[in-house]
Amino acid sequence: MSDTIPQDPSSGLIEYPCPQCGRSLRISSAGAGRKAKCPQCGAISDVPATTLSPATSVADPVASPAPITAPAAMVATTREIGVTAPTETVASTTSGDTPTSRLFNRIRGEISKIFVGQDELVLGALVALFSSGHVLIESVPGLGKTLFVRTLGKVMGCEFGRIQFTADLMPSDITGAPIFNMKTQEFNFRPGPVFTQFLLADEINRSPAKTHAALLEIMQEFHVTVDGTTHRLDRPFLVLATQNPIESEGTYNLPEAQLGRFMFKIVAGYPAEAQEADILRMHSRQVDLDELLDSSLETVTGPEEILEVTRQNSEIRVDDRLLDYINKIVRLTRNWPQIFMGASPRAGLALIQGARTLAAFYGRDYAVPDDVFQISLPALRHRVIMTAEADVEGRNVDEVIGELIRSIEVPRL
């Protein structure tokens, strides 16, 4: 995939450099005077009014609810999570400067002061947080997952907790248990480490199934039941679970019931060369992490605002044709030749909720097919099981899901 689009005098494009990274961006002339986001560095800038030629061919589904064809829906918005666009990348535009989009930009700006790179992880966690979901992160050790969760907790004004999953971890070690009080001669419930707001479940697959099961009720219903008594967790509540993709000794595969509780599965890779240099420069001075977080970060929101924005996101419009598009994607996973077991209706709910939140982040009050396309891989890759033949052939689940989605006609809205 090239970084630029071959110049076509009849294409109706505006070409200008990104003010932060210098990448050449091209966008429909309909986006003149609006905001655009660079697909490489994420910087948002004003689109100049100078055009290459009169607009004729490139749709702008984000700036207006105009009809969207399949190529436009896959091109017109920056890809930060999801399937790689099949054609050249074009900068995305936003249709308005809304309170939610401003909050989103402030949060990302604060996080970037401490946590470098991993844009897919940052965006996926924020979409899940404002959709009342959870995230499973698959990555090798040492990529800063704990730093990210602590940074996120500081910026969002929420409590942070961590559970290191081991083979001898018991369910009561997570949820808490009744403790006998010698003074009152009664049992008093002692809350476990799950009673927090941002929970890092580190190496979750190192514990057996009975320990995983302790999280099922918590992640779905946001409360703990012990000895017939229900104890509610403070909201918002976000679980960020990690697992190591290369070391399988002493690990237990997560059951499908557990995987289904996660809204997204993010596969985090190594940082780019420039990003890794920034990490070495920023975090090599042996500064205490608590001191660094307190001195460098500003709390930009709080639990009440997060819950209010989450409620507002549920009112983002989803057209019936877009809902049918999501339904076709989910149902086709159950009949695709390389997939043994397809996705459940919970996958469709994750796609709709995630699309609504993305639309709000981009300043729109309606969702478009490109929102669905952008989050399709994180929402589906852990909900399907490949056939034995596909595994033997070395087929990648991301490739298979990408082929499946591209086979479905994108609706015109």
Protein backbone atom coordinates (compact mmCIF):
# COMPACT_ATOMS: atom_id res chain seq x y z
CA MET A 1 0.00 0.00 0.00
CA SER A 2 1.44 3.33 -0.98
CA ASP A 3 1.33 6.42 1.22
CA THR A 4 0.04 8.68 -1.52
CA ILE A 5 -2.58 8.40 -4.24
CA PRO A 6 -1.57 8.81 -7.90
CA GLN A 7 -2.56 12.27 -9.05
CA ASP A 8 -5.66 12.39 -11.22
CA PRO A 9 -6.75 15.82 -12.48
CA SER A 10 -10.40 14.73 -12.40
CA SER A 11 -10.32 13.21 -8.94
CA GLY A 12 -11.35 16.35 -7.01
CA LEU A 13 -8.76 15.92 -4.26
CA ILE A 14 -7.02 18.34 -1.91
CA GLU A 15 -3.35 17.55 -1.31
CA TYR A 16 -1.42 18.97 1.64
CA PRO A 17 1.32 17.84 4.08
CA CYS A 18 0.61 16.76 7.65
CA PRO A 19 1.91 19.58 9.90
CA GLN A 20 3.30 17.07 12.41
CA CYS A 21 4.89 14.20 10.46
CA GLY A 22 5.03 15.70 6.97
CA ARG A 23 3.13 12.86 5.28
CA SER A 24 1.35 13.87 2.07
CA LEU A 25 -2.41 13.66 2.60
CA ARG A 26 -5.16 13.73 0.01
CA ILE A 27 -8.85 14.13 0.68
CA SER A 28 -12.08 14.93 -1.12
CA SER A 29 -12.59 18.61 -1.90
CA ALA A 30 -15.86 18.33 0.03
CA GLY A 31 -13.71 18.31 3.17
CA ALA A 32 -12.26 21.78 2.54
CA GLY A 33 -12.24 23.85 5.71
CA ARG A 34 -12.95 20.86 7.93
CA LYS A 35 -10.73 18.90 10.28
CA ALA A 36 -8.73 15.87 9.06
CA LYS A 37 -6.70 13.28 10.93
CA CYS A 38 -3.40 11.91 9.64
CA PRO A 39 -3.46 8.09 9.34
CA GLN A 40 0.23 7.91 10.27
CA CYS A 41 0.64 10.07 13.40
CA GLY A 42 -2.98 10.82 14.34
CA ALA A 43 -2.51 14.60 14.25
CA ILE A 44 -5.69 16.59 13.50
CA SER A 45 -5.32 19.62 11.23
CA ASP A 46 -7.41 21.98 9.10
CA VAL A 47 -7.94 20.97 5.47
CA PRO A 48 -6.93 23.88 3.17
CA ALA A 49 -9.41 25.23 0.65
CA THR A 50 -7.13 24.74 -2.40
CA THR A 51 -8.27 21.82 -4.55
CA LEU A 52 -6.61 19.84 -7.32
CA SER A 53 -9.77 19.97 -9.42
CA PRO A 54 -13.55 19.99 -9.07
CA ALA A 55 -14.87 17.18 -6.86
CA THR A 56 -16.10 14.24 -8.87
CA SER A 57 -15.15 10.89 -7.48
CA VAL A 58 -14.20 10.53 -3.81
CA ALA A 59 -17.06 10.23 -1.35
CA ASP A 60 -16.88 11.86 2.07
CA PRO A 61 -19.02 9.64 4.29
CA VAL A 62 -17.73 11.16 7.52
CA ALA A 63 -18.40 14.80 6.68
CA SER A 64 -22.00 14.16 5.57
CA PRO A 65 -24.44 11.26 5.51
CA ALA A 66 -24.12 10.94 1.74
CA PRO A 67 -24.55 7.54 0.04
CA ILE A 68 -21.48 5.34 0.50
CA THR A 69 -20.18 2.84 -1.98
CA ALA A 70 -17.96 -0.04 -0.96
CA PRO A 71 -14.62 1.54 -2.02
CA ALA A 72 -15.41 4.86 -0.32
CA ALA A 73 -16.44 3.20 2.91
CA MET A 74 -13.16 1.34 3.07
CA VAL A 75 -10.98 4.34 2.17
CA ALA A 76 -12.37 7.48 3.68
CA THR A 77 -11.48 7.01 7.35
CA THR A 78 -8.14 6.46 9.06
CA ARG A 79 -7.44 2.83 9.99
CA GLU A 80 -6.28 2.61 13.62
CA ILE A 81 -7.89 -0.68 14.52
CA GLY A 82 -9.46 -3.23 12.25
CA VAL A 83 -8.87 -4.48 8.73
CA THR A 84 -6.31 -2.73 6.55
CA ALA A 85 -8.01 -0.77 3.81
CA PRO A 86 -7.85 -2.55 0.43
CA THR A 87 -6.91 0.63 -1.41
CA GLU A 88 -4.88 3.76 -0.71
CA THR A 89 -5.35 5.45 2.66
CA VAL A 90 -7.00 8.85 2.78
CA ALA A 91 -7.12 11.14 5.81
CA SER A 92 -10.40 11.10 7.72
CA THR A 93 -12.56 14.13 8.33
CA THR A 94 -14.83 14.88 11.24
CA SER A 95 -18.18 16.59 10.84
CA GLY A 96 -18.14 18.71 13.96
CA ASP A 97 -16.39 19.82 17.11
CA THR A 98 -18.49 18.14 19.80
CA PRO A 99 -17.89 17.83 23.56
CA THR A 100 -17.26 14.10 23.15
CA SER A 101 -14.71 14.58 20.36
CA ARG A 102 -12.93 17.27 22.38
CA LEU A 103 -12.82 14.99 25.42
CA PHE A 104 -11.47 12.16 23.27
CA ASN A 105 -8.68 14.36 21.89
CA ARG A 106 -7.75 15.62 25.38
CA ILE A 107 -7.54 12.07 26.72
CA ARG A 108 -5.31 10.91 23.87
CA GLY A 109 -3.13 13.98 24.25
CA GLU A 110 -2.57 13.34 27.95
CA ILE A 111 -1.88 9.63 27.46
CA SER A 112 0.72 10.39 24.77
CA LYS A 113 2.76 12.36 27.32
CA ILE A 114 3.70 9.10 29.07
CA PHE A 115 2.65 6.20 26.88
CA VAL A 116 4.30 6.20 23.45
CA GLY A 117 2.75 4.56 20.39
CA GLN A 118 0.35 1.58 20.44
CA ASP A 119 -2.43 3.67 18.89
CA GLU A 120 -4.55 0.58 18.29
CA LEU A 121 -4.42 -0.34 21.98
CA VAL A 122 -5.21 3.19 23.13
CA LEU A 123 -8.16 3.63 20.79
CA GLY A 124 -9.48 0.12 21.46
CA ALA A 125 -9.38 0.63 25.22
CA LEU A 126 -11.15 3.99 24.99
CA VAL A 127 -13.85 2.63 22.69
CA ALA A 128 -14.40 -0.31 25.07
CA LEU A 129 -14.45 1.98 28.12
CA PHE A 130 -17.10 4.29 26.65
CA SER A 131 -19.10 1.26 25.45
CA SER A 132 -19.09 -0.59 28.82
CA GLY A 133 -16.86 -3.30 27.37
CA HIS A 134 -13.57 -5.02 28.18
CA VAL A 135 -10.34 -5.67 26.26
CA LEU A 136 -8.12 -8.73 25.89
CA ILE A 137 -4.55 -7.78 24.94
CA GLU A 138 -2.25 -10.31 23.31
CA SER A 139 1.38 -9.23 23.30
CA VAL A 140 4.84 -10.19 24.40
CA PRO A 141 6.02 -8.95 27.82
CA GLY A 142 7.60 -5.54 28.21
CA LEU A 143 5.40 -3.42 25.95
CA GLY A 144 4.10 -1.17 28.74
CA LYS A 145 0.66 -2.62 29.41
CA THR A 146 0.83 -1.88 33.15
CA LEU A 147 2.07 1.64 32.42
CA PHE A 148 -0.81 2.15 30.03
CA VAL A 149 -3.48 1.09 32.52
CA ARG A 150 -2.01 3.26 35.27
CA THR A 151 -1.73 6.19 32.87
CA LEU A 152 -5.31 5.68 31.75
CA GLY A 153 -6.52 5.56 35.36
CA LYS A 154 -4.73 8.82 36.19
CA VAL A 155 -6.02 10.65 33.13
CA MET A 156 -9.58 9.38 33.61
CA GLY A 157 -9.65 10.01 37.37
CA CYS A 158 -10.40 6.36 38.18
CA GLU A 159 -8.92 3.78 40.53
CA PHE A 160 -6.36 1.29 39.21
CA GLY A 161 -5.94 -2.31 40.33
CA ARG A 162 -3.85 -5.26 39.21
CA ILE A 163 -4.14 -9.02 39.62
CA GLN A 164 -1.19 -11.22 38.70
CA PHE A 165 -2.78 -14.49 37.60
CA THR A 166 -0.87 -17.62 38.68
CA ALA A 167 -1.60 -21.34 38.69
CA ASP A 168 -2.51 -21.35 42.41
CA LEU A 169 -4.78 -18.29 42.29
CA MET A 170 -8.22 -19.08 43.75
CA PRO A 171 -11.56 -17.42 42.87
CA SER A 172 -11.81 -15.95 46.37
CA ASP A 173 -8.44 -14.28 45.84
CA ILE A 174 -10.15 -12.22 43.12
CA THR A 175 -13.63 -11.59 44.43
CA GLY A 176 -12.91 -11.45 48.15
CA ALA A 177 -14.29 -13.66 50.92
CA PRO A 178 -16.05 -13.50 54.29
CA ILE A 179 -13.65 -13.08 57.21
CA PHE A 180 -14.66 -13.99 60.76
CA ASN A 181 -14.54 -11.00 63.10
CA MET A 182 -13.53 -12.21 66.58
CA LYS A 183 -14.80 -9.02 68.17
CA THR A 184 -18.34 -9.12 66.80
CA GLN A 185 -18.48 -12.91 66.32
CA GLU A 186 -19.71 -12.35 62.78
CA PHE A 187 -18.47 -12.89 59.25
CA ASN A 188 -17.64 -9.67 57.41
CA PHE A 189 -17.04 -9.53 53.68
CA ARG A 190 -13.53 -8.43 52.71
CA PRO A 191 -13.50 -7.11 49.13
CA GLY A 192 -10.91 -8.56 46.75
CA PRO A 193 -8.71 -6.69 44.28
CA VAL A 194 -11.47 -6.78 41.67
CA PHE A 195 -13.19 -3.93 43.52
CA THR A 196 -11.57 -1.18 41.49
CA GLN A 197 -12.43 0.66 38.26
CA PHE A 198 -9.56 -0.15 35.88
CA LEU A 199 -8.40 -3.72 36.44
CA LEU A 200 -5.29 -5.17 34.81
CA ALA A 201 -5.66 -8.97 34.72
CA ASP A 202 -2.03 -9.77 33.96
CA GLU A 203 -1.36 -13.07 32.14
CA ILE A 204 -4.91 -14.22 32.69
CA ASN A 205 -4.31 -17.54 30.93
CA ARG A 206 -1.92 -18.75 33.66
CA SER A 207 -4.82 -19.60 35.98
CA PRO A 208 -7.18 -22.59 35.68
CA ALA A 209 -10.78 -22.40 34.48
CA LYS A 210 -12.33 -22.14 37.96
CA THR A 211 -10.41 -18.90 38.50
CA HIS A 212 -11.43 -17.54 35.09
CA ALA A 213 -15.04 -18.29 35.97
CA ALA A 214 -14.85 -15.84 38.87
CA LEU A 215 -14.66 -13.02 36.33
CA LEU A 216 -17.69 -14.07 34.25
CA GLU A 217 -20.33 -12.50 36.50
CA ILE A 218 -18.12 -9.50 37.23
CA MET A 219 -17.47 -8.61 33.58
CA GLN A 220 -21.05 -9.12 32.45
CA GLU A 221 -23.10 -7.81 35.36
CA PHE A 222 -20.60 -5.60 37.25
CA HIS A 223 -21.19 -7.17 40.65
CA VAL A 224 -19.94 -10.02 42.85
CA THR A 225 -22.15 -12.55 44.63
CA VAL A 226 -20.64 -14.22 47.69
CA ASP A 227 -22.68 -16.34 50.13
CA GLY A 228 -25.90 -15.16 48.53
CA THR A 229 -25.07 -11.49 48.98
CA THR A 230 -24.52 -9.24 45.96
CA HIS A 231 -21.78 -6.62 46.13
CA ARG A 232 -21.80 -4.04 43.33
CA LEU A 233 -18.66 -2.62 41.74
CA ASP A 234 -18.10 1.07 41.18
CA ARG A 235 -18.68 2.17 37.61
CA PRO A 236 -17.10 2.64 35.17
CA PHE A 237 -15.43 -0.76 35.29
CA LEU A 238 -12.92 -1.83 32.64
CA VAL A 239 -10.98 -5.11 32.55
CA LEU A 240 -7.77 -5.11 30.51
CA ALA A 241 -6.56 -8.72 30.43
CA THR A 242 -3.24 -9.77 28.93
CA GLN A 243 -1.91 -13.04 27.60
CA ASN A 244 1.44 -14.07 26.16
CA PRO A 245 1.15 -15.44 22.59
CA ILE A 246 4.46 -17.33 22.51
CA GLU A 247 4.89 -19.06 25.87
CA SER A 248 2.31 -21.85 26.27
CA GLU A 249 3.90 -23.89 29.07
CA GLY A 250 1.85 -23.64 32.25
CA THR A 251 -1.03 -21.80 30.60
CA TYR A 252 -4.72 -22.60 30.14
CA ASN A 253 -6.71 -21.61 27.07
CA LEU A 254 -9.51 -19.21 27.90
CA PRO A 255 -12.94 -20.84 27.38
CA GLU A 256 -15.30 -19.38 24.79
CA ALA A 257 -17.59 -18.11 27.56
CA GLN A 258 -14.71 -16.06 28.93
CA LEU A 259 -13.53 -14.82 25.54
CA GLY A 260 -17.04 -13.69 24.68
CA ARG A 261 -17.04 -11.30 27.64
CA PHE A 262 -14.30 -9.25 25.99
CA MET A 263 -15.53 -6.63 23.56
CA PHE A 264 -12.19 -6.48 21.73
CA LYS A 265 -9.07 -8.55 21.35
CA ILE A 266 -6.12 -6.28 20.56
CA VAL A 267 -2.90 -7.76 19.19
CA ALA A 268 -0.14 -5.36 20.24
CA GLY A 269 3.16 -5.48 18.39
CA TYR A 270 6.57 -3.92 18.85
CA PRO A 271 6.80 -0.12 18.53
CA ALA A 272 8.20 1.57 15.46
CA GLU A 273 11.86 2.61 15.46
CA ALA A 274 11.16 6.28 16.20
CA GLN A 275 8.64 5.38 18.91
CA GLU A 276 11.07 3.01 20.59
CA ALA A 277 13.71 5.74 20.60
CA ASP A 278 11.19 8.03 22.32
CA ILE A 279 10.51 5.32 24.91
CA LEU A 280 14.22 4.98 25.68
CA ARG A 281 14.60 8.73 25.93
CA MET A 282 11.53 9.20 28.15
CA HIS A 283 11.73 6.25 30.56
CA SER A 284 15.44 5.62 31.07
CA ARG A 285 16.02 8.02 33.96
CA GLN A 286 14.86 5.79 36.84
CA VAL A 287 12.14 8.25 37.84
CA ASP A 288 9.57 6.86 40.26
CA LEU A 289 6.45 6.00 38.28
CA ASP A 290 4.03 7.50 40.81
CA GLU A 291 5.99 10.74 40.78
CA LEU A 292 6.11 10.73 36.99
CA LEU A 293 2.36 10.22 36.68
CA ASP A 294 1.59 12.96 39.22
CA SER A 295 3.96 15.51 37.68
CA SER A 296 3.34 14.85 33.99
CA LEU A 297 -0.36 14.03 33.69
CA GLU A 298 -3.53 16.00 34.24
CA THR A 299 -6.83 14.38 35.14
CA VAL A 300 -9.19 15.51 32.39
CA THR A 301 -12.42 13.73 33.36
CA GLY A 302 -14.00 11.59 36.06
CA PRO A 303 -16.33 8.62 36.59
CA GLU A 304 -19.49 10.73 36.40
CA GLU A 305 -18.58 12.26 33.04
CA ILE A 306 -17.48 8.89 31.65
CA LEU A 307 -20.85 7.36 32.54
CA GLU A 308 -22.71 10.34 31.08
CA VAL A 309 -20.78 10.21 27.79
CA THR A 310 -21.37 6.45 27.64
CA ARG A 311 -25.10 7.06 28.01
CA GLN A 312 -25.02 9.74 25.33
CA ASN A 313 -23.14 7.44 22.95
CA SER A 314 -26.03 4.98 23.10
CA GLU A 315 -28.16 7.61 21.34
CA ILE A 316 -25.94 7.75 18.22
CA ARG A 317 -28.10 6.86 15.21
CA VAL A 318 -27.61 3.48 13.55
CA ASP A 319 -29.56 3.15 10.31
CA ASP A 320 -31.50 -0.05 9.73
CA ARG A 321 -29.40 -0.74 6.63
CA LEU A 322 -26.22 -0.48 8.71
CA LEU A 323 -27.73 -2.80 11.31
CA ASP A 324 -28.52 -5.28 8.51
CA TYR A 325 -24.91 -4.96 7.30
CA ILE A 326 -23.62 -5.89 10.76
CA ASN A 327 -26.06 -8.77 10.96
CA LYS A 328 -24.83 -10.13 7.62
CA ILE A 329 -21.21 -10.00 8.78
CA VAL A 330 -21.94 -11.91 11.98
CA ARG A 331 -24.15 -14.52 10.33
CA LEU A 332 -21.70 -15.12 7.49
CA THR A 333 -19.01 -16.15 10.00
CA ARG A 334 -21.15 -19.22 10.76
CA ASN A 335 -21.07 -20.41 7.13
CA TRP A 336 -17.60 -19.35 5.98
CA PRO A 337 -15.53 -22.33 4.70
CA GLN A 338 -12.43 -21.63 6.85
CA ILE A 339 -14.40 -21.00 10.07
CA PHE A 340 -15.50 -23.96 12.19
CA MET A 341 -17.52 -21.98 14.74
CA GLY A 342 -18.88 -18.51 13.96
CA ALA A 343 -19.62 -15.49 16.11
CA SER A 344 -22.62 -15.17 18.42
CA PRO A 345 -25.13 -12.28 18.53
CA ARG A 346 -22.89 -10.73 21.20
CA ALA A 347 -20.42 -9.96 18.41
CA GLY A 348 -23.07 -7.94 16.60
CA LEU A 349 -23.80 -6.00 19.77
CA ALA A 350 -20.09 -5.24 20.14
CA LEU A 351 -19.94 -3.96 16.55
CA ILE A 352 -22.97 -1.70 17.00
CA GLN A 353 -21.83 -0.30 20.35
CA GLY A 354 -18.28 0.21 19.11
CA ALA A 355 -19.48 1.92 15.91
CA ARG A 356 -21.61 4.31 17.96
CA THR A 357 -18.69 5.22 20.20
CA LEU A 358 -16.33 5.73 17.25
CA ALA A 359 -18.87 7.99 15.58
CA ALA A 360 -19.09 10.08 18.77
CA PHE A 361 -15.27 10.27 18.99
CA TYR A 362 -15.17 11.55 15.41
CA GLY A 363 -17.80 14.21 16.13
CA ARG A 364 -20.79 12.60 14.40
CA ASP A 365 -24.25 11.78 15.70
CA TYR A 366 -24.66 8.87 13.27
CA ALA A 367 -22.64 5.74 12.53
CA VAL A 368 -21.38 4.80 9.07
CA PRO A 369 -20.17 1.49 7.59
CA ASP A 370 -16.58 2.62 7.94
CA ASP A 371 -16.97 2.65 11.74
CA VAL A 372 -18.02 -0.99 11.61
CA PHE A 373 -15.18 -1.84 9.23
CA GLN A 374 -12.65 -0.17 11.51
CA ILE A 375 -13.45 -2.29 14.58
CA SER A 376 -14.39 -5.53 12.83
CA LEU A 377 -11.14 -7.39 13.50
CA PRO A 378 -10.83 -6.60 17.21
CA ALA A 379 -14.49 -7.48 17.71
CA LEU A 380 -14.45 -10.78 15.77
CA ARG A 381 -10.97 -12.35 15.87
CA HIS A 382 -11.49 -13.96 19.30
CA ARG A 383 -15.09 -15.02 18.67
CA VAL A 384 -14.49 -17.45 15.80
CA ILE A 385 -12.69 -20.79 15.65
CA MET A 386 -10.80 -21.75 12.52
CA THR A 387 -11.21 -25.16 10.90
CA ALA A 388 -8.44 -27.72 11.26
CA GLU A 389 -7.76 -27.52 7.53
CA ALA A 390 -7.30 -23.74 7.71
CA ASP A 391 -4.88 -24.13 10.63
CA VAL A 392 -2.85 -26.71 8.72
CA GLU A 393 -2.72 -24.41 5.71
CA GLY A 394 -1.42 -21.62 7.94
CA ARG A 395 -4.39 -19.30 7.36
CA ASN A 396 -4.50 -16.29 9.65
CA VAL A 397 -7.80 -15.46 11.34
CA ASP A 398 -7.39 -11.77 10.50
CA GLU A 399 -6.97 -12.55 6.80
CA VAL A 400 -10.02 -14.82 6.78
CA ILE A 401 -12.22 -12.24 8.50
CA GLY A 402 -10.97 -9.56 6.12
CA GLU A 403 -11.94 -11.68 3.10
CA LEU A 404 -15.33 -12.38 4.63
CA ILE A 405 -16.13 -8.71 5.24
CA ARG A 406 -15.03 -7.64 1.77
CA SER A 407 -17.43 -10.15 0.24
CA ILE A 408 -20.44 -8.26 1.68
CA GLU A 409 -21.85 -5.27 -0.16
CA VAL A 410 -21.57 -2.05 1.82
CA PRO A 411 -24.97 -0.35 2.23
CA ARG A 412 -25.81 3.07 0.85
CA LEU A 413 -26.98 5.36 3.66
